[in-house]
Amino acid sequence: MKLLPFGVRDEPMSRHTSLHIGGPADLFVRVTTERDLVGAIAVAREHELPVLMLGGGTNMLVSDLGVRGVVLQNDWSETSVDGTTIAAASGTPLASVAAVAARSGIVGLEWMATVPGTVGGAVHGNAGAFGSETKDVLIDAVLMDLNGDTWTDMNADLEFAYRTSKLQKTPIIVVRATFRGAPGDRASAVKRIKEIANERIAKQPLAQPNTGSIFRNPPGDHAGRLIEAAGLKGATIGGAMVSTKHANFIVNVGDASAMDVKNLMERCQRDVRERFDIDLVPEVELVGEW
């Protein structure tokens, strides 16, 4: 395989995912500026290599066999405020957007403080929490294809639905995004961030490696409730366990493999389908060679 003249070869993805799971990437490249991001994409295309964008390493399960081509870790973090709007680079952690908004007296984005991952990932998957989601606050996003061509899509162009957008399963990359808040009080925004952070700590297994919610909530119900009702709370396969704190989380309690997690996901799907005739749809994205 042709390789880029920079980056790290055979980098274990377990070092870069929130589950601490994943085999080697053929080539791992970290970028911290827009110029580096555009340049890395251009060189990857020149070498005809596939590109996997990595933000916070959340919401994805990387296979034990790893990822062919280039894994591009986007650590380009940058924000600017204009009135009640915030523009952010795609590698910006959502928690940073929430913090900048609160400091600027902008309300309506506090929920972002509790969502792991980055702006790019949030737009890609319509991330959400506490009754709000990306589509509720996004104005527009600058996108780029693997040819390096860029354009701007407005909110409606992105075809948002529950935990998805038209960008999923495409090679299109989010470059930056603009969010709209509302004028408010800085102290109130900071207080709200603390409240929802405490609520998340109380309800979710944040002390253990996890990838966020494993399944999307089916209409009118909650995946965690269904999995718990199927008697799967605490169920294990290898080093993977359905969290005893929140059943819609699978945690790495030892040296879990990606296949352990995948098999446990399939067990949850099978048991919930047999008991409730409901198909659980994964929220986590399986990437790499399966």
Protein backbone atom coordinates (compact mmCIF):
# COMPACT_ATOMS: atom_id res chain seq x y z
CA MET A 1 0.00 0.00 0.00
CA LYS A 2 1.15 3.51 -0.80
CA LEU A 3 1.69 5.62 2.30
CA LEU A 4 1.73 9.33 2.93
CA PRO A 5 5.11 11.00 3.57
CA PHE A 6 4.00 11.91 7.11
CA GLY A 7 1.99 10.48 9.99
CA VAL A 8 2.38 7.35 12.12
CA ARG A 9 2.15 3.90 10.61
CA ASP A 10 0.21 1.05 12.27
CA GLU A 11 -1.01 3.26 15.11
CA PRO A 12 -3.30 1.33 17.52
CA MET A 13 -6.75 2.92 17.41
CA SER A 14 -7.32 1.76 20.98
CA ARG A 15 -5.23 4.79 21.99
CA HIS A 16 -7.67 7.16 20.32
CA THR A 17 -11.17 5.81 21.01
CA SER A 18 -13.26 6.35 24.11
CA LEU A 19 -13.82 2.57 24.40
CA HIS A 20 -10.03 1.99 24.31
CA ILE A 21 -10.66 -0.56 21.56
CA GLY A 22 -9.46 -0.81 17.97
CA GLY A 23 -6.75 -2.35 15.83
CA PRO A 24 -4.06 -0.48 13.88
CA ALA A 25 -4.61 2.29 11.37
CA ASP A 26 -2.41 1.94 8.29
CA LEU A 27 -1.54 5.60 8.74
CA PHE A 28 -2.57 7.95 11.55
CA VAL A 29 -2.35 11.70 10.96
CA ARG A 30 -3.23 14.43 13.47
CA VAL A 31 -4.12 17.92 12.21
CA THR A 32 -4.54 21.10 14.25
CA THR A 33 -5.20 23.76 11.57
CA GLU A 34 -7.49 24.18 8.58
CA ARG A 35 -4.48 24.28 6.31
CA ASP A 36 -3.24 20.94 7.64
CA LEU A 37 -6.72 19.41 7.30
CA VAL A 38 -7.09 20.47 3.67
CA GLY A 39 -3.49 19.48 2.91
CA ALA A 40 -3.81 16.01 4.42
CA ILE A 41 -6.99 15.35 2.43
CA ALA A 42 -5.25 16.46 -0.76
CA VAL A 43 -2.26 14.17 -0.21
CA ALA A 44 -4.51 11.22 0.70
CA ARG A 45 -6.43 11.69 -2.54
CA GLU A 46 -3.19 11.98 -4.51
CA HIS A 47 -2.19 8.58 -3.11
CA GLU A 48 -5.73 7.22 -3.66
CA LEU A 49 -6.13 6.31 0.01
CA PRO A 50 -9.45 6.17 1.85
CA VAL A 51 -9.84 8.60 4.76
CA LEU A 52 -11.59 8.06 8.09
CA MET A 53 -12.22 11.24 10.06
CA LEU A 54 -11.73 10.94 13.80
CA GLY A 55 -12.84 13.61 16.24
CA GLY A 56 -13.15 12.70 19.89
CA GLY A 57 -13.10 8.97 19.19
CA THR A 58 -16.60 8.61 20.64
CA ASN A 59 -19.67 6.98 19.11
CA MET A 60 -17.57 4.54 17.09
CA LEU A 61 -16.46 0.94 17.38
CA VAL A 62 -13.21 0.31 15.51
CA SER A 63 -12.64 -3.29 14.43
CA ASP A 64 -9.90 -5.45 15.90
CA LEU A 65 -8.38 -5.70 12.42
CA GLY A 66 -7.99 -1.93 12.28
CA VAL A 67 -8.57 0.61 9.53
CA ARG A 68 -7.14 0.59 6.02
CA GLY A 69 -5.93 3.87 4.58
CA VAL A 70 -5.63 7.08 6.59
CA VAL A 71 -7.21 7.91 9.93
CA LEU A 72 -7.25 11.68 10.21
CA GLN A 73 -7.60 12.93 13.78
CA ASN A 74 -9.10 16.39 13.62
CA ASP A 75 -7.80 18.43 16.56
CA TRP A 76 -8.38 21.78 14.83
CA SER A 77 -10.22 23.66 17.60
CA GLU A 78 -11.27 27.28 17.11
CA THR A 79 -14.33 29.39 17.94
CA SER A 80 -15.56 32.93 17.29
CA VAL A 81 -18.61 34.75 18.59
CA ASP A 82 -20.82 37.19 16.69
CA GLY A 83 -23.82 38.37 18.68
CA THR A 84 -25.65 35.18 19.65
CA THR A 85 -23.99 32.98 17.01
CA ILE A 86 -20.87 30.89 17.45
CA ALA A 87 -18.73 29.66 14.57
CA ALA A 88 -16.56 26.66 15.40
CA ALA A 89 -13.96 24.59 13.58
CA SER A 90 -14.93 20.96 13.10
CA GLY A 91 -12.36 19.63 15.57
CA THR A 92 -13.65 21.82 18.41
CA PRO A 93 -15.01 19.79 21.35
CA LEU A 94 -18.72 20.43 21.83
CA ALA A 95 -17.99 21.14 25.48
CA SER A 96 -15.80 24.06 24.35
CA VAL A 97 -18.66 25.51 22.29
CA ALA A 98 -20.91 25.30 25.36
CA ALA A 99 -18.28 26.99 27.53
CA VAL A 100 -17.67 29.82 25.05
CA ALA A 101 -21.43 30.37 24.75
CA ALA A 102 -21.91 30.50 28.51
CA ARG A 103 -19.02 32.94 28.99
CA SER A 104 -20.52 35.14 26.29
CA GLY A 105 -23.96 35.20 27.89
CA ILE A 106 -25.46 33.00 25.17
CA VAL A 107 -28.01 30.40 26.26
CA GLY A 108 -29.50 27.40 24.52
CA LEU A 109 -26.25 25.51 23.96
CA GLU A 110 -25.65 24.30 27.50
CA TRP A 111 -26.58 20.71 26.59
CA MET A 112 -23.45 20.51 24.41
CA ALA A 113 -21.30 20.49 27.54
CA THR A 114 -22.37 16.91 28.26
CA VAL A 115 -21.87 15.48 24.76
CA PRO A 116 -18.46 13.91 24.17
CA GLY A 117 -16.99 14.45 20.74
CA THR A 118 -16.50 17.33 18.35
CA VAL A 119 -18.44 19.77 16.18
CA GLY A 120 -17.79 17.70 13.07
CA GLY A 121 -19.11 14.55 14.67
CA ALA A 122 -22.14 16.38 16.04
CA VAL A 123 -23.14 17.66 12.61
CA HIS A 124 -22.41 14.28 11.02
CA GLY A 125 -24.64 12.37 13.45
CA ASN A 126 -27.05 15.07 14.73
CA ALA A 127 -25.74 14.60 18.26
CA GLY A 128 -28.02 15.55 21.11
CA ALA A 129 -28.73 15.38 24.83
CA PHE A 130 -31.28 16.52 27.38
CA GLY A 131 -34.04 17.07 24.83
CA SER A 132 -31.94 19.14 22.40
CA GLU A 133 -30.01 18.15 19.30
CA THR A 134 -27.69 19.67 16.75
CA LYS A 135 -30.43 20.36 14.20
CA ASP A 136 -32.17 22.64 16.74
CA VAL A 137 -29.25 25.07 16.92
CA LEU A 138 -27.23 24.67 13.71
CA ILE A 139 -27.39 27.52 11.19
CA ASP A 140 -25.08 26.12 8.53
CA ALA A 141 -22.00 24.01 7.93
CA VAL A 142 -19.05 24.33 5.57
CA LEU A 143 -18.40 20.94 3.96
CA MET A 144 -15.56 19.49 1.90
CA ASP A 145 -15.26 16.47 -0.36
CA LEU A 146 -12.14 14.41 -0.94
CA ASN A 147 -11.32 16.52 -4.01
CA GLY A 148 -10.87 19.50 -1.67
CA ASP A 149 -13.95 21.29 -3.01
CA THR A 150 -15.91 23.19 -0.33
CA TRP A 151 -19.45 24.50 -0.09
CA THR A 152 -21.95 25.59 2.56
CA ASP A 153 -25.09 23.64 3.43
CA MET A 154 -27.85 25.28 5.41
CA ASN A 155 -29.53 23.36 8.23
CA ALA A 156 -32.39 22.13 6.00
CA ASP A 157 -29.93 20.87 3.36
CA LEU A 158 -28.43 18.36 5.78
CA GLU A 159 -31.60 16.24 6.06
CA PHE A 160 -31.32 15.82 9.81
CA ALA A 161 -33.30 13.11 11.55
CA TYR A 162 -32.92 11.43 14.93
CA ARG A 163 -29.16 10.84 15.39
CA THR A 164 -28.48 11.02 11.67
CA SER A 165 -27.90 13.32 8.70
CA LYS A 166 -27.33 12.91 4.99
CA LEU A 167 -23.56 12.99 5.69
CA GLN A 168 -23.53 9.53 7.24
CA LYS A 169 -21.98 6.84 5.07
CA THR A 170 -20.47 9.50 2.80
CA PRO A 171 -16.84 10.73 2.54
CA ILE A 172 -17.96 14.36 3.02
CA ILE A 173 -16.06 16.18 5.77
CA VAL A 174 -17.36 18.94 8.02
CA VAL A 175 -14.94 21.88 7.99
CA ARG A 176 -16.75 24.26 10.32
CA ALA A 177 -20.24 25.00 11.60
CA THR A 178 -22.22 27.95 12.92
CA PHE A 179 -24.65 27.65 15.83
CA ARG A 180 -27.36 29.99 17.05
CA GLY A 181 -28.09 30.60 20.71
CA ALA A 182 -30.20 33.21 22.44
CA PRO A 183 -29.26 36.22 24.55
CA GLY A 184 -29.17 35.32 28.21
CA ASP A 185 -27.40 35.49 31.51
CA ARG A 186 -23.90 34.13 31.92
CA ALA A 187 -24.47 32.93 35.49
CA SER A 188 -27.64 31.07 34.49
CA ALA A 189 -25.88 29.34 31.61
CA VAL A 190 -22.98 28.24 33.82
CA LYS A 191 -25.41 26.99 36.47
CA ARG A 192 -27.34 24.97 33.89
CA ILE A 193 -24.13 23.39 32.57
CA LYS A 194 -23.23 22.28 36.10
CA GLU A 195 -26.73 20.87 36.64
CA ILE A 196 -26.78 18.73 33.52
CA ALA A 197 -23.18 17.64 34.05
CA ASN A 198 -24.09 16.39 37.53
CA GLU A 199 -27.15 14.62 36.13
CA ARG A 200 -25.04 12.89 33.50
CA ILE A 201 -22.48 11.79 36.10
CA ALA A 202 -25.28 10.34 38.21
CA LYS A 203 -26.89 8.38 35.37
CA GLN A 204 -24.08 7.31 33.05
CA PRO A 205 -20.98 5.10 33.57
CA LEU A 206 -18.47 7.84 32.89
CA ALA A 207 -15.77 6.23 35.03
CA GLN A 208 -15.51 3.28 32.62
CA PRO A 209 -14.46 3.31 28.96
CA ASN A 210 -17.61 3.61 26.84
CA THR A 211 -18.69 5.02 23.51
CA GLY A 212 -21.86 6.79 24.59
CA SER A 213 -25.31 5.40 23.86
CA ILE A 214 -25.06 2.16 21.92
CA PHE A 215 -28.56 2.19 20.41
CA ARG A 216 -30.96 4.87 19.23
CA ASN A 217 -34.11 5.17 21.30
CA PRO A 218 -37.05 3.60 19.44
CA PRO A 219 -40.13 5.82 18.97
CA GLY A 220 -41.92 6.32 22.28
CA ASP A 221 -39.49 4.25 24.32
CA HIS A 222 -35.91 4.08 25.56
CA ALA A 223 -33.32 1.54 24.47
CA GLY A 224 -31.91 1.35 27.99
CA ARG A 225 -35.30 0.46 29.47
CA LEU A 226 -35.85 -2.29 26.91
CA ILE A 227 -32.40 -3.80 27.41
CA GLU A 228 -32.82 -3.74 31.19
CA ALA A 229 -36.32 -5.25 30.92
CA ALA A 230 -34.86 -8.04 28.79
CA GLY A 231 -32.66 -8.91 31.77
CA LEU A 232 -29.39 -7.85 30.17
CA LYS A 233 -28.10 -5.27 32.64
CA GLY A 234 -24.67 -6.51 33.68
CA ALA A 235 -24.51 -9.11 30.89
CA THR A 236 -20.96 -9.75 29.65
CA ILE A 237 -19.19 -11.16 26.65
CA GLY A 238 -15.43 -11.24 27.07
CA GLY A 239 -14.35 -7.87 28.47
CA ALA A 240 -17.52 -6.08 27.35
CA MET A 241 -20.42 -5.51 29.74
CA VAL A 242 -23.86 -3.93 29.55
CA SER A 243 -23.48 -1.19 32.14
CA THR A 244 -25.13 -1.77 35.49
CA LYS A 245 -25.65 1.99 35.72
CA HIS A 246 -27.34 2.56 32.33
CA ALA A 247 -28.27 -0.37 30.11
CA ASN A 248 -27.84 1.57 26.84
CA PHE A 249 -24.10 1.75 27.52
CA ILE A 250 -21.62 -1.03 26.89
CA VAL A 251 -18.44 -0.59 28.89
CA ASN A 252 -14.96 -2.05 28.57
CA VAL A 253 -14.38 -3.72 31.92
CA GLY A 254 -11.14 -5.43 30.99
CA ASP A 255 -9.37 -6.12 27.77
CA ALA A 256 -12.52 -6.09 25.64
CA SER A 257 -12.20 -6.65 21.90
CA ALA A 258 -14.32 -4.97 19.28
CA MET A 259 -15.85 -8.37 18.53
CA ASP A 260 -16.83 -8.72 22.21
CA VAL A 261 -18.74 -5.44 21.95
CA LYS A 262 -20.29 -6.32 18.60
CA ASN A 263 -21.44 -9.72 19.87
CA LEU A 264 -22.92 -8.14 22.99
CA MET A 265 -24.74 -5.55 20.85
CA GLU A 266 -26.18 -8.37 18.75
CA ARG A 267 -27.29 -10.23 21.88
CA CYS A 268 -29.11 -7.11 23.09
CA GLN A 269 -30.78 -6.72 19.69
CA ARG A 270 -31.80 -10.39 19.57
CA ASP A 271 -33.21 -10.53 23.10
CA VAL A 272 -35.13 -7.24 22.80
CA ARG A 273 -36.55 -8.33 19.43
CA GLU A 274 -37.65 -11.71 20.82
CA ARG A 275 -39.24 -10.21 23.92
CA PHE A 276 -40.71 -6.93 22.66
CA ASP A 277 -40.74 -7.28 18.86
CA ILE A 278 -38.68 -4.07 18.62
CA ASP A 279 -35.57 -3.72 16.48
CA LEU A 280 -32.82 -1.71 18.18
CA VAL A 281 -30.86 0.40 15.70
CA PRO A 282 -27.21 1.05 16.60
CA GLU A 283 -26.23 4.62 17.34
CA VAL A 284 -22.55 3.66 17.48
CA GLU A 285 -20.86 3.44 14.10
CA LEU A 286 -18.84 0.33 13.24
CA VAL A 287 -15.71 1.27 11.30
CA GLY A 288 -12.69 -0.54 9.94
CA GLU A 289 -12.33 -4.07 8.60
CA TRP A 290 -14.96 -6.51 9.86
